[in-house]
N, C-alpha and C. Protein backbone atom coordinates (compact mmCIF):
# COMPACT_ATOMS: atom_id res chain seq x y z
N MET A 1 23.20 -17.91 -10.62
CA MET A 1 21.90 -17.85 -10.85
C MET A 1 21.42 -19.64 -11.07
N ALA A 2 20.37 -19.91 -10.69
CA ALA A 2 19.71 -21.01 -10.75
C ALA A 2 19.41 -21.29 -11.80
N GLU A 3 19.23 -22.69 -12.46
CA GLU A 3 19.19 -23.19 -13.94
C GLU A 3 17.69 -22.51 -14.46
N LYS A 4 16.78 -22.85 -13.25
CA LYS A 4 15.46 -22.15 -13.89
C LYS A 4 15.16 -20.76 -14.26
N GLU A 5 15.98 -20.04 -13.55
CA GLU A 5 16.19 -18.33 -13.77
C GLU A 5 16.66 -18.21 -15.15
N LYS A 6 17.90 -18.93 -15.55
CA LYS A 6 18.37 -18.97 -16.97
C LYS A 6 17.42 -19.34 -17.84
N GLU A 7 16.86 -20.53 -17.62
CA GLU A 7 15.99 -21.17 -18.92
C GLU A 7 15.04 -19.91 -18.95
N GLN A 8 14.19 -19.36 -17.95
CA GLN A 8 13.44 -18.32 -18.15
C GLN A 8 13.96 -17.08 -19.10
N GLN A 9 15.06 -16.67 -18.60
CA GLN A 9 15.76 -15.64 -19.49
C GLN A 9 15.99 -15.81 -21.00
N GLN A 10 16.36 -17.13 -21.41
CA GLN A 10 16.44 -17.33 -22.37
C GLN A 10 15.09 -17.68 -23.41
N GLU A 11 13.81 -17.86 -22.52
CA GLU A 11 12.98 -18.03 -23.07
C GLU A 11 12.19 -17.19 -23.84
N ASP A 12 11.68 -17.45 -25.05
CA ASP A 12 11.00 -16.28 -25.76
C ASP A 12 9.88 -15.48 -24.74
N PRO A 13 10.05 -14.41 -25.14
CA PRO A 13 9.09 -13.78 -24.10
C PRO A 13 7.50 -13.86 -24.26
N GLU A 14 7.35 -13.90 -25.50
CA GLU A 14 5.78 -14.13 -25.81
C GLU A 14 5.37 -15.50 -25.31
N VAL A 15 6.09 -16.83 -25.16
CA VAL A 15 6.00 -18.00 -24.73
C VAL A 15 5.87 -17.62 -23.11
N ARG A 16 6.87 -17.12 -22.54
CA ARG A 16 6.90 -16.93 -20.92
C ARG A 16 5.44 -16.15 -20.44
N ILE A 17 4.93 -15.14 -21.14
CA ILE A 17 4.09 -14.34 -21.10
C ILE A 17 2.63 -15.22 -20.83
N GLU A 18 2.69 -16.36 -22.11
CA GLU A 18 1.74 -17.09 -21.96
C GLU A 18 1.58 -18.22 -20.68
N LYS A 19 2.56 -18.62 -20.45
CA LYS A 19 3.09 -19.34 -19.44
C LYS A 19 2.47 -18.64 -18.10
N LEU A 20 3.07 -17.53 -17.95
CA LEU A 20 2.64 -16.54 -16.59
C LEU A 20 1.20 -16.41 -16.49
N LYS A 21 0.70 -16.14 -17.67
CA LYS A 21 -1.03 -15.86 -17.82
C LYS A 21 -1.83 -16.99 -16.92
N LYS A 22 -1.26 -18.25 -17.85
CA LYS A 22 -1.94 -19.64 -17.33
C LYS A 22 -1.68 -20.01 -15.66
N GLU A 23 -0.40 -19.53 -15.36
CA GLU A 23 -0.12 -19.78 -13.94
C GLU A 23 -0.81 -18.95 -12.93
N ALA A 24 -0.93 -17.62 -13.49
CA ALA A 24 -1.92 -16.35 -12.45
C ALA A 24 -3.32 -17.30 -12.90
N GLU A 25 -3.89 -17.66 -13.60
CA GLU A 25 -5.03 -18.28 -13.82
C GLU A 25 -5.46 -19.65 -12.78
N GLU A 26 -4.36 -20.28 -12.74
CA GLU A 26 -4.29 -21.55 -12.05
C GLU A 26 -4.33 -21.18 -10.49
N LEU A 27 -3.31 -20.13 -10.09
CA LEU A 27 -3.29 -19.75 -8.83
C LEU A 27 -4.54 -19.02 -8.17
N THR A 28 -5.16 -18.31 -9.02
CA THR A 28 -6.57 -17.91 -8.38
C THR A 28 -7.78 -18.60 -8.94
N GLY A 29 -7.58 -20.22 -9.04
CA GLY A 29 -8.68 -20.91 -9.20
C GLY A 29 -9.57 -20.56 -10.16
N GLY A 30 -9.13 -19.67 -11.55
CA GLY A 30 -9.62 -19.54 -12.57
C GLY A 30 -10.68 -18.24 -12.39
N GLN A 31 -10.42 -17.40 -11.07
CA GLN A 31 -11.24 -16.02 -10.89
C GLN A 31 -10.08 -14.81 -11.72
N MET A 32 -9.29 -15.28 -12.21
CA MET A 32 -8.46 -13.93 -13.08
C MET A 32 -8.55 -14.34 -14.37
N LYS A 33 -9.24 -13.39 -15.11
CA LYS A 33 -9.55 -13.56 -16.64
C LYS A 33 -8.43 -12.39 -17.17
N THR A 34 -7.73 -13.13 -18.09
CA THR A 34 -6.74 -12.34 -18.90
C THR A 34 -7.18 -11.64 -20.28
N MET A 35 -6.72 -10.77 -20.62
CA MET A 35 -7.28 -10.03 -21.95
C MET A 35 -6.02 -9.51 -22.74
N ASN A 36 -6.31 -9.41 -23.97
CA ASN A 36 -5.00 -9.40 -24.85
C ASN A 36 -4.77 -7.93 -24.57
N SER A 37 -3.60 -7.70 -24.35
CA SER A 37 -2.81 -6.35 -24.10
C SER A 37 -1.75 -5.83 -25.12
N GLY A 38 -2.17 -5.91 -26.50
CA GLY A 38 -1.12 -5.83 -27.48
C GLY A 38 -0.76 -4.48 -27.40
N ASP A 39 -1.24 -3.31 -26.98
CA ASP A 39 -0.71 -1.99 -26.78
C ASP A 39 0.71 -2.00 -26.08
N LEU A 40 0.69 -3.04 -25.04
CA LEU A 40 1.82 -2.75 -23.90
C LEU A 40 3.15 -3.43 -24.77
N PRO A 41 4.55 -2.41 -24.37
CA PRO A 41 5.40 -3.36 -24.75
C PRO A 41 5.67 -4.64 -24.33
N GLU A 42 6.27 -5.47 -24.83
CA GLU A 42 6.24 -6.91 -24.59
C GLU A 42 7.15 -6.85 -23.15
N GLU A 43 8.03 -6.07 -22.97
CA GLU A 43 8.77 -6.19 -21.84
C GLU A 43 8.23 -5.74 -20.54
N ILE A 44 7.03 -4.58 -20.71
CA ILE A 44 6.42 -4.11 -19.80
C ILE A 44 5.14 -5.39 -19.47
N GLU A 45 4.82 -6.15 -20.35
CA GLU A 45 3.72 -6.78 -20.12
C GLU A 45 4.27 -8.09 -19.48
N LEU A 46 5.83 -8.61 -19.88
CA LEU A 46 6.16 -9.56 -19.31
C LEU A 46 6.50 -9.31 -17.40
N ALA A 47 7.03 -8.04 -17.49
CA ALA A 47 7.36 -7.55 -15.90
C ALA A 47 5.95 -7.58 -15.18
N PHE A 48 4.77 -7.17 -15.85
CA PHE A 48 3.47 -7.26 -15.32
C PHE A 48 3.15 -8.47 -14.63
N TRP A 49 3.21 -9.48 -15.86
CA TRP A 49 2.69 -10.94 -15.38
C TRP A 49 3.61 -11.77 -14.38
N GLU A 50 4.88 -11.15 -14.08
CA GLU A 50 5.53 -11.82 -13.25
C GLU A 50 5.40 -11.24 -12.03
N HIS A 51 5.11 -9.89 -12.06
CA HIS A 51 4.18 -9.58 -10.43
C HIS A 51 3.15 -9.94 -9.93
N VAL A 52 2.42 -10.20 -11.05
CA VAL A 52 1.04 -10.77 -10.74
C VAL A 52 1.19 -12.15 -10.38
N VAL A 53 2.04 -13.11 -10.69
CA VAL A 53 2.26 -14.33 -10.33
C VAL A 53 3.06 -14.40 -8.84
N ALA A 54 4.02 -13.49 -8.87
CA ALA A 54 4.76 -13.29 -7.42
C ALA A 54 3.77 -12.76 -6.26
N PHE A 55 2.67 -11.91 -6.58
CA PHE A 55 1.83 -11.42 -5.53
C PHE A 55 0.93 -12.68 -5.27
N GLU A 56 0.43 -13.50 -6.29
CA GLU A 56 -0.32 -14.54 -5.82
C GLU A 56 0.19 -16.18 -5.15
N LYS A 57 1.47 -15.69 -5.02
CA LYS A 57 2.15 -16.77 -4.42
C LYS A 57 2.60 -16.36 -3.13
N THR A 58 2.62 -15.00 -2.83
CA THR A 58 2.98 -14.74 -1.45
C THR A 58 2.10 -14.61 -0.37
N ALA A 59 1.97 -15.32 0.54
CA ALA A 59 1.14 -15.59 1.58
C ALA A 59 0.83 -13.97 2.57
N TRP A 60 -0.36 -13.94 2.80
CA TRP A 60 -0.77 -12.83 3.48
C TRP A 60 -0.49 -12.49 4.98
N THR A 61 0.09 -11.54 5.37
CA THR A 61 0.66 -11.49 6.76
C THR A 61 0.13 -9.83 7.34
N GLN A 62 0.12 -9.96 8.54
CA GLN A 62 0.05 -8.77 9.33
C GLN A 62 1.08 -7.98 9.22
N THR A 63 1.07 -6.73 8.98
CA THR A 63 2.19 -5.75 8.94
C THR A 63 2.73 -5.75 10.37
N PHE A 64 2.09 -5.73 11.45
CA PHE A 64 2.27 -5.60 12.68
C PHE A 64 3.20 -6.98 13.07
N ASP A 65 3.06 -7.95 12.39
CA ASP A 65 3.78 -9.30 12.73
C ASP A 65 5.23 -9.26 11.97
N ALA A 66 5.00 -8.60 10.83
CA ALA A 66 6.35 -8.36 9.99
C ALA A 66 7.31 -7.41 10.58
N LEU A 67 6.80 -6.39 10.92
CA LEU A 67 7.68 -5.37 11.69
C LEU A 67 8.29 -6.03 12.91
N GLN A 68 7.51 -6.73 14.04
CA GLN A 68 8.13 -7.58 15.00
C GLN A 68 9.56 -8.38 14.41
N GLU A 69 9.02 -9.04 13.29
CA GLU A 69 10.26 -10.19 12.68
C GLU A 69 11.25 -9.08 12.41
N ALA A 70 10.89 -8.31 11.77
CA ALA A 70 11.96 -7.05 11.12
C ALA A 70 13.01 -6.49 12.58
N GLY A 71 12.33 -6.85 13.68
CA GLY A 71 13.13 -6.41 14.82
C GLY A 71 12.65 -4.96 15.65
N ILE A 72 11.52 -4.70 15.28
CA ILE A 72 10.73 -3.58 15.48
C ILE A 72 9.83 -4.02 16.65
N THR A 73 10.04 -3.15 17.63
CA THR A 73 9.26 -3.62 18.91
C THR A 73 8.24 -2.50 18.77
N LEU A 74 6.76 -2.59 19.22
CA LEU A 74 5.82 -1.71 19.00
C LEU A 74 5.11 -1.97 20.52
N PRO A 75 5.60 -1.13 21.45
CA PRO A 75 4.80 -1.33 22.85
C PRO A 75 3.37 -0.45 22.36
N GLN A 76 2.42 -0.93 23.60
CA GLN A 76 1.37 -0.21 23.73
C GLN A 76 1.40 1.12 23.55
N PRO A 77 0.50 1.76 23.23
CA PRO A 77 0.51 3.38 23.12
C PRO A 77 0.55 3.97 24.50
N ASP A 78 -0.15 3.54 25.68
CA ASP A 78 -0.37 3.95 26.99
C ASP A 78 0.86 3.60 27.77
N GLU A 79 1.96 3.07 27.21
CA GLU A 79 3.14 2.56 27.77
C GLU A 79 4.37 3.50 27.31
N LEU A 80 4.05 4.59 26.42
CA LEU A 80 5.18 5.33 25.89
C LEU A 80 4.83 6.90 26.56
N ASP A 81 5.71 7.56 27.07
CA ASP A 81 5.73 9.13 26.71
C ASP A 81 5.71 9.53 25.40
N ASP A 82 5.76 11.28 25.40
CA ASP A 82 5.33 11.68 24.00
C ASP A 82 6.64 11.38 23.33
N ALA A 83 7.72 11.68 23.67
CA ALA A 83 9.06 11.63 22.92
C ALA A 83 9.35 10.13 22.51
N ARG A 84 9.38 8.82 23.27
CA ARG A 84 9.36 7.75 23.22
C ARG A 84 8.52 7.29 21.88
N LEU A 85 7.04 7.95 21.98
CA LEU A 85 6.23 7.33 21.32
C LEU A 85 6.45 8.02 19.77
N LYS A 86 6.92 9.22 19.88
CA LYS A 86 7.13 9.69 18.61
C LYS A 86 8.35 8.97 17.75
N TYR A 87 9.33 8.63 18.33
CA TYR A 87 10.62 8.06 18.04
C TYR A 87 9.87 6.41 17.53
N LYS A 88 9.11 5.92 18.23
CA LYS A 88 8.61 4.35 17.73
C LYS A 88 7.51 4.61 16.80
N LEU A 89 6.92 5.69 16.54
CA LEU A 89 5.96 6.05 15.41
C LEU A 89 6.95 6.06 14.20
N TRP A 90 7.85 7.05 14.09
CA TRP A 90 8.48 6.81 12.80
C TRP A 90 9.64 5.60 12.56
N GLU A 91 9.74 4.93 13.78
CA GLU A 91 10.63 3.74 13.56
C GLU A 91 9.86 2.74 12.72
N ALA A 92 8.53 2.59 12.82
CA ALA A 92 7.26 2.00 12.56
C ALA A 92 7.14 2.55 10.98
N ILE A 93 7.03 3.81 10.92
CA ILE A 93 6.85 4.30 9.53
C ILE A 93 7.85 3.87 8.62
N ASN A 94 9.46 4.04 9.03
CA ASN A 94 10.30 3.47 8.13
C ASN A 94 10.34 2.29 8.22
N GLY A 95 9.92 1.38 9.27
CA GLY A 95 9.88 -0.21 8.88
C GLY A 95 9.04 -0.61 7.83
N LEU A 96 8.00 0.39 7.81
CA LEU A 96 6.72 -0.04 6.69
C LEU A 96 7.36 0.18 5.41
N THR A 97 8.05 1.01 5.29
CA THR A 97 8.63 1.46 4.00
C THR A 97 9.14 0.25 3.60
N MET A 98 10.25 0.18 4.13
CA MET A 98 11.39 -1.18 4.08
C MET A 98 10.37 -2.69 3.67
N LEU A 99 9.25 -2.42 4.09
CA LEU A 99 8.58 -3.57 4.04
C LEU A 99 7.63 -3.48 2.24
N GLY A 100 7.66 -2.20 1.81
CA GLY A 100 6.97 -1.89 0.90
C GLY A 100 5.74 -1.30 0.99
N VAL A 101 5.64 -1.08 2.34
CA VAL A 101 4.03 -0.21 2.67
C VAL A 101 4.20 1.44 2.81
N GLU A 102 3.35 2.13 2.03
CA GLU A 102 3.48 3.55 2.25
C GLU A 102 2.24 3.88 2.85
N LEU A 103 2.16 5.19 3.63
CA LEU A 103 1.00 5.65 4.77
C LEU A 103 0.76 6.73 3.78
N SER A 104 -0.64 7.34 3.83
CA SER A 104 -1.01 8.48 3.29
C SER A 104 -2.22 9.17 4.24
N HIS A 105 -2.43 10.30 4.01
CA HIS A 105 -3.52 10.91 4.69
C HIS A 105 -3.49 10.87 6.28
N THR A 106 -2.13 11.38 6.76
CA THR A 106 -2.16 11.33 8.34
C THR A 106 -1.90 12.38 8.84
N ASP A 107 -2.23 13.71 8.20
CA ASP A 107 -2.06 15.19 8.79
C ASP A 107 -3.05 15.85 9.59
N HIS A 108 -4.22 15.03 9.90
CA HIS A 108 -5.21 15.18 10.76
C HIS A 108 -4.86 14.66 12.11
N LEU A 109 -3.92 13.55 12.23
CA LEU A 109 -4.03 12.85 13.45
C LEU A 109 -2.60 13.51 14.08
N SER A 110 -2.54 13.50 15.39
CA SER A 110 -1.40 13.81 16.31
C SER A 110 -0.51 12.40 16.29
N ASP A 111 0.83 12.72 16.41
CA ASP A 111 1.66 11.62 16.59
C ASP A 111 0.98 10.26 17.41
N ARG A 112 0.31 10.70 18.78
CA ARG A 112 -0.39 9.69 19.48
C ARG A 112 -1.43 9.02 19.00
N GLU A 113 -2.41 10.07 18.32
CA GLU A 113 -3.42 9.38 17.75
C GLU A 113 -3.13 8.29 16.46
N LEU A 114 -2.14 8.79 15.63
CA LEU A 114 -1.87 7.91 14.49
C LEU A 114 -0.95 6.81 14.93
N TYR A 115 -0.06 6.78 16.13
CA TYR A 115 0.70 5.64 16.66
C TYR A 115 -0.55 4.72 17.19
N ALA A 116 -1.37 5.22 17.92
CA ALA A 116 -2.72 4.20 18.61
C ALA A 116 -3.41 3.63 17.35
N ASP A 117 -3.90 4.51 16.37
CA ASP A 117 -4.54 3.94 15.39
C ASP A 117 -4.01 2.89 14.36
N LEU A 118 -2.62 2.75 14.49
CA LEU A 118 -1.49 1.85 13.59
C LEU A 118 -1.38 0.63 14.55
N TRP A 119 -1.41 0.86 15.74
CA TRP A 119 -1.39 -0.28 16.85
C TRP A 119 -2.37 -1.06 17.00
N HIS A 120 -3.55 -0.41 17.08
CA HIS A 120 -4.99 -0.81 17.32
C HIS A 120 -5.63 -1.42 16.02
N ASP A 121 -5.44 -0.87 15.10
CA ASP A 121 -6.12 -1.39 13.70
C ASP A 121 -5.64 -1.57 12.39
N LEU A 122 -4.75 -0.37 12.00
CA LEU A 122 -4.20 -0.79 10.43
C LEU A 122 -3.20 -1.74 10.64
N LEU A 123 -2.43 -1.68 11.25
CA LEU A 123 -1.32 -2.97 11.23
C LEU A 123 -1.56 -4.03 11.82
N ARG A 124 -3.08 -4.39 12.10
CA ARG A 124 -3.36 -5.64 12.10
C ARG A 124 -4.13 -6.14 10.90
N GLU A 125 -4.17 -5.58 9.61
CA GLU A 125 -4.97 -5.74 8.66
C GLU A 125 -3.75 -6.66 7.61
N GLU A 126 -4.00 -7.78 7.06
CA GLU A 126 -3.07 -8.47 6.65
C GLU A 126 -3.23 -8.05 5.14
N MET A 127 -1.99 -8.05 4.58
CA MET A 127 -1.38 -7.51 3.43
C MET A 127 -0.56 -8.60 2.77
N VAL A 128 -0.32 -8.24 1.44
CA VAL A 128 0.47 -9.19 0.56
C VAL A 128 2.07 -8.41 0.78
N LEU A 129 3.08 -8.91 1.29
CA LEU A 129 4.33 -7.81 1.19
C LEU A 129 5.64 -8.59 0.70
N GLN A 130 6.07 -7.81 -0.05
CA GLN A 130 7.21 -8.03 -0.86
C GLN A 130 8.60 -7.38 -0.77
N PRO A 131 8.91 -6.97 0.36
CA PRO A 131 10.00 -6.21 0.77
C PRO A 131 11.46 -6.37 0.00
N ASP A 132 11.61 -7.62 -0.72
CA ASP A 132 12.59 -7.82 -1.67
C ASP A 132 12.56 -7.28 -3.20
N ASN A 133 11.66 -7.03 -3.24
CA ASN A 133 10.88 -6.35 -4.69
C ASN A 133 10.64 -4.95 -4.67
N PRO A 134 11.65 -4.28 -5.16
CA PRO A 134 12.03 -2.94 -5.04
C PRO A 134 10.35 -2.19 -5.98
N ALA A 135 9.76 -2.86 -6.99
CA ALA A 135 9.21 -2.61 -7.65
C ALA A 135 7.73 -2.80 -7.32
N TYR A 136 7.44 -3.25 -6.05
CA TYR A 136 6.25 -3.72 -5.44
C TYR A 136 6.08 -2.74 -4.38
N ALA A 137 4.82 -2.08 -4.23
CA ALA A 137 4.37 -1.10 -2.90
C ALA A 137 3.00 -1.51 -2.42
N CYS A 138 2.53 -1.44 -1.06
CA CYS A 138 1.36 -1.75 -0.59
C CYS A 138 1.01 -0.06 -0.09
N TYR A 139 -0.17 0.44 -0.24
CA TYR A 139 -0.69 1.60 0.33
C TYR A 139 -1.81 1.46 1.35
N LEU A 140 -1.27 2.15 2.43
CA LEU A 140 -2.23 1.89 3.84
C LEU A 140 -2.59 3.54 4.05
N ASP A 141 -3.81 3.82 3.29
CA ASP A 141 -4.44 4.93 3.73
C ASP A 141 -5.51 4.87 4.99
N VAL A 142 -4.86 5.98 5.77
CA VAL A 142 -5.52 6.09 7.14
C VAL A 142 -6.69 6.25 7.39
N ILE A 143 -6.99 7.12 6.16
CA ILE A 143 -8.82 6.97 5.60
C ILE A 143 -9.27 6.30 4.83
N GLY A 144 -8.95 5.14 4.52
CA GLY A 144 -9.31 4.71 3.23
C GLY A 144 -10.31 3.39 3.36
N SER A 145 -11.16 3.34 4.70
CA SER A 145 -12.10 2.25 4.70
C SER A 145 -13.37 2.62 4.22
N GLY A 146 -13.65 3.89 3.69
CA GLY A 146 -15.01 4.08 2.83
C GLY A 146 -16.30 4.33 4.02
N SER A 147 -15.87 4.52 5.17
CA SER A 147 -16.75 4.70 6.23
C SER A 147 -17.17 6.28 6.09
N GLU A 148 -18.18 6.91 6.81
CA GLU A 148 -18.83 8.07 6.60
C GLU A 148 -17.77 8.63 7.32
N GLU A 149 -17.45 8.41 8.54
CA GLU A 149 -16.37 8.99 9.21
C GLU A 149 -14.91 9.49 8.58
N ASP A 150 -14.50 8.43 7.72
CA ASP A 150 -13.17 8.79 7.01
C ASP A 150 -13.71 9.80 5.81
N ASN A 151 -14.79 9.52 5.04
CA ASN A 151 -15.35 10.38 4.02
C ASN A 151 -15.38 11.61 4.46
N PHE A 152 -15.64 12.11 5.63
CA PHE A 152 -16.24 13.04 6.46
C PHE A 152 -14.54 13.81 6.44
N VAL A 153 -13.51 13.16 6.95
CA VAL A 153 -12.37 13.58 7.39
C VAL A 153 -11.75 14.04 5.90
N TYR A 154 -11.73 13.22 5.05
CA TYR A 154 -11.15 13.64 3.56
C TYR A 154 -11.64 14.86 3.07
N LEU A 155 -12.95 14.99 3.26
CA LEU A 155 -13.62 16.40 2.72
C LEU A 155 -13.20 17.33 3.57
N LYS A 156 -13.01 17.30 4.91
CA LYS A 156 -12.68 18.57 5.45
C LYS A 156 -11.34 18.89 5.56
N TYR A 157 -10.58 17.77 5.10
CA TYR A 157 -8.80 18.22 5.00
C TYR A 157 -8.26 17.93 4.01
N TYR A 158 -8.73 17.08 3.09
CA TYR A 158 -7.73 16.70 1.97
C TYR A 158 -8.28 16.92 0.81
N ALA A 159 -9.87 16.96 0.40
CA ALA A 159 -10.27 17.12 -0.94
C ALA A 159 -10.04 18.49 -1.35
N ASP A 160 -9.82 18.43 -2.84
CA ASP A 160 -9.80 19.96 -3.17
C ASP A 160 -11.28 20.45 -3.58
N ASP A 161 -11.50 21.76 -4.16
CA ASP A 161 -12.80 22.47 -4.32
C ASP A 161 -13.54 21.35 -5.44
N GLU A 162 -12.68 20.88 -6.42
CA GLU A 162 -13.50 20.07 -7.13
C GLU A 162 -14.05 19.00 -6.71
N TYR A 163 -13.27 18.31 -5.76
CA TYR A 163 -13.79 16.82 -5.65
C TYR A 163 -14.82 17.26 -4.69
N ARG A 164 -14.87 18.28 -3.87
CA ARG A 164 -16.12 18.83 -2.98
C ARG A 164 -17.49 18.81 -3.56
N GLN A 165 -17.05 19.60 -4.74
CA GLN A 165 -18.33 19.91 -5.55
C GLN A 165 -19.08 18.73 -6.19
N HIS A 166 -18.16 18.02 -6.60
CA HIS A 166 -18.56 16.62 -7.36
C HIS A 166 -19.45 15.75 -6.28
N TRP A 167 -18.85 15.63 -5.00
CA TRP A 167 -19.46 15.02 -3.81
C TRP A 167 -20.70 15.54 -3.54
N ALA A 168 -20.90 16.78 -3.49
CA ALA A 168 -22.17 17.68 -2.98
C ALA A 168 -23.27 17.16 -4.11
N LYS A 169 -22.67 17.15 -5.33
CA LYS A 169 -23.67 17.01 -6.35
C LYS A 169 -24.16 15.21 -6.34
N ASP A 170 -23.23 14.61 -6.07
CA ASP A 170 -23.33 13.11 -6.19
C ASP A 170 -24.14 12.76 -5.08
N PHE A 171 -23.78 13.19 -3.99
CA PHE A 171 -24.42 12.93 -2.65
C PHE A 171 -25.08 14.05 -1.90
N PRO A 172 -26.15 14.67 -2.39
CA PRO A 172 -26.69 15.99 -1.76
C PRO A 172 -27.09 15.83 -0.48
N GLY A 173 -27.27 14.44 0.27
CA GLY A 173 -27.92 14.42 1.43
C GLY A 173 -26.59 14.64 2.55
N ASP A 174 -25.23 14.17 1.98
CA ASP A 174 -24.26 14.47 2.97
C ASP A 174 -24.05 15.65 3.30
N PRO A 175 -23.51 15.78 4.57
CA PRO A 175 -23.08 17.09 5.29
C PRO A 175 -21.73 17.35 4.15
N ILE A 176 -21.44 18.45 3.84
CA ILE A 176 -20.11 18.96 3.22
C ILE A 176 -19.33 20.10 4.60
N PRO A 177 -18.43 19.32 5.15
CA PRO A 177 -17.76 20.20 6.34
C PRO A 177 -17.00 21.16 5.48
N ASP A 178 -16.91 22.37 6.25
CA ASP A 178 -15.99 23.54 6.21
C ASP A 178 -14.58 23.22 5.74
N ARG A 179 -14.07 23.56 4.72
CA ARG A 179 -12.38 22.82 4.60
C ARG A 179 -11.70 23.58 5.56
N GLU A 180 -10.51 22.70 6.35
CA GLU A 180 -9.59 22.86 7.09
C GLU A 180 -8.57 22.82 7.03
N THR A 181 -7.42 23.46 7.29
CA THR A 181 -5.91 23.06 7.09
C THR A 181 -5.75 21.97 7.78
N PRO A 182 -5.12 20.93 7.77
CA PRO A 182 -4.81 19.94 8.70
C PRO A 182 -4.00 20.08 9.82
N PRO A 183 -4.12 20.11 11.16
CA PRO A 183 -3.61 20.52 12.02
C PRO A 183 -1.79 19.96 12.34
N PHE A 184 -1.60 19.07 11.44
CA PHE A 184 -0.29 18.43 11.32
C PHE A 184 0.30 18.69 9.99
N ASP A 185 1.71 18.47 10.12
CA ASP A 185 2.36 18.30 8.75
C ASP A 185 3.53 17.39 8.41
N ARG A 186 2.66 16.17 8.19
CA ARG A 186 3.52 14.79 8.29
C ARG A 186 3.75 14.44 6.81
N ASP A 187 2.84 14.19 6.28
CA ASP A 187 2.46 13.47 4.74
C ASP A 187 3.62 13.78 4.13
N ARG A 188 4.20 14.98 3.85
CA ARG A 188 5.01 15.26 2.92
C ARG A 188 6.48 14.71 3.17
N HIS A 189 6.43 14.49 4.67
CA HIS A 189 7.58 13.92 5.16
C HIS A 189 7.77 12.38 5.12
N LEU A 190 6.62 11.52 4.90
CA LEU A 190 6.83 10.40 4.59
C LEU A 190 7.34 9.73 3.70
N PRO A 191 8.38 8.73 3.83
CA PRO A 191 9.24 7.93 2.86
C PRO A 191 8.16 7.25 2.03
N LYS A 192 8.81 7.17 0.79
CA LYS A 192 8.04 6.62 -0.42
C LYS A 192 9.01 5.41 -1.12
N ARG A 193 8.34 4.35 -1.39
CA ARG A 193 8.63 3.33 -2.06
C ARG A 193 9.06 3.68 -3.39
N ALA A 194 10.31 3.08 -4.04
CA ALA A 194 10.54 3.40 -5.55
C ALA A 194 9.51 3.44 -6.54
N LYS A 195 9.38 4.28 -7.58
CA LYS A 195 8.22 4.00 -8.49
C LYS A 195 8.31 2.81 -9.14
N TRP A 196 7.33 1.96 -9.82
CA TRP A 196 7.59 0.77 -10.40
C TRP A 196 8.45 1.03 -11.49
N GLU A 197 8.19 2.30 -12.38
CA GLU A 197 9.14 2.30 -13.41
C GLU A 197 10.35 2.44 -13.32
N ASP A 198 10.75 3.13 -12.12
CA ASP A 198 12.33 3.28 -11.82
C ASP A 198 12.92 2.08 -11.06
N ALA A 199 11.99 1.18 -10.87
CA ALA A 199 12.56 0.02 -10.08
C ALA A 199 13.13 -1.07 -10.94
N GLY A 200 12.86 -0.94 -12.31
CA GLY A 200 13.06 -2.00 -13.19
C GLY A 200 12.22 -3.27 -12.96
């Protein structure tokens, strides 16, 4: 273990937390405002600020590039037949999980539609990836753009009755589609990153 890591472990947790808060504020150019979180156990607060600093120190990258660097080649959708496309889709999904990225809301899309969406759009978004940190995860919501189309899809396939009622009340001018069962059954099989509290 490096000398710096040994020193940090021996350092008083309260002192270490304050140093991390100051470092986080410097890394964000003063944009991050800290507040007293005295209700949190010291070890949880320390872990939180360590994660914040690690996040701010990590460069943003396209997940497409990160998958390529991990040895996962992703041909254009129209170059793949259905069997090969399905294989490549799940290779990409599992590769994303290894990078700490979880997909959600995919059951309304066929394999080809999802792969095309990933290839052309979603994997081109830049994210902060920390594959070596089991306590860190990013979430890639296929319908998370906030667009009218994505909201409509959510209401149609994923929203429960209570959510739909609230939406109708809050946005009376929006059409509320009839609820339908998604045509595909993929989401419950998607791999998940370890939960923060389980990863230590």
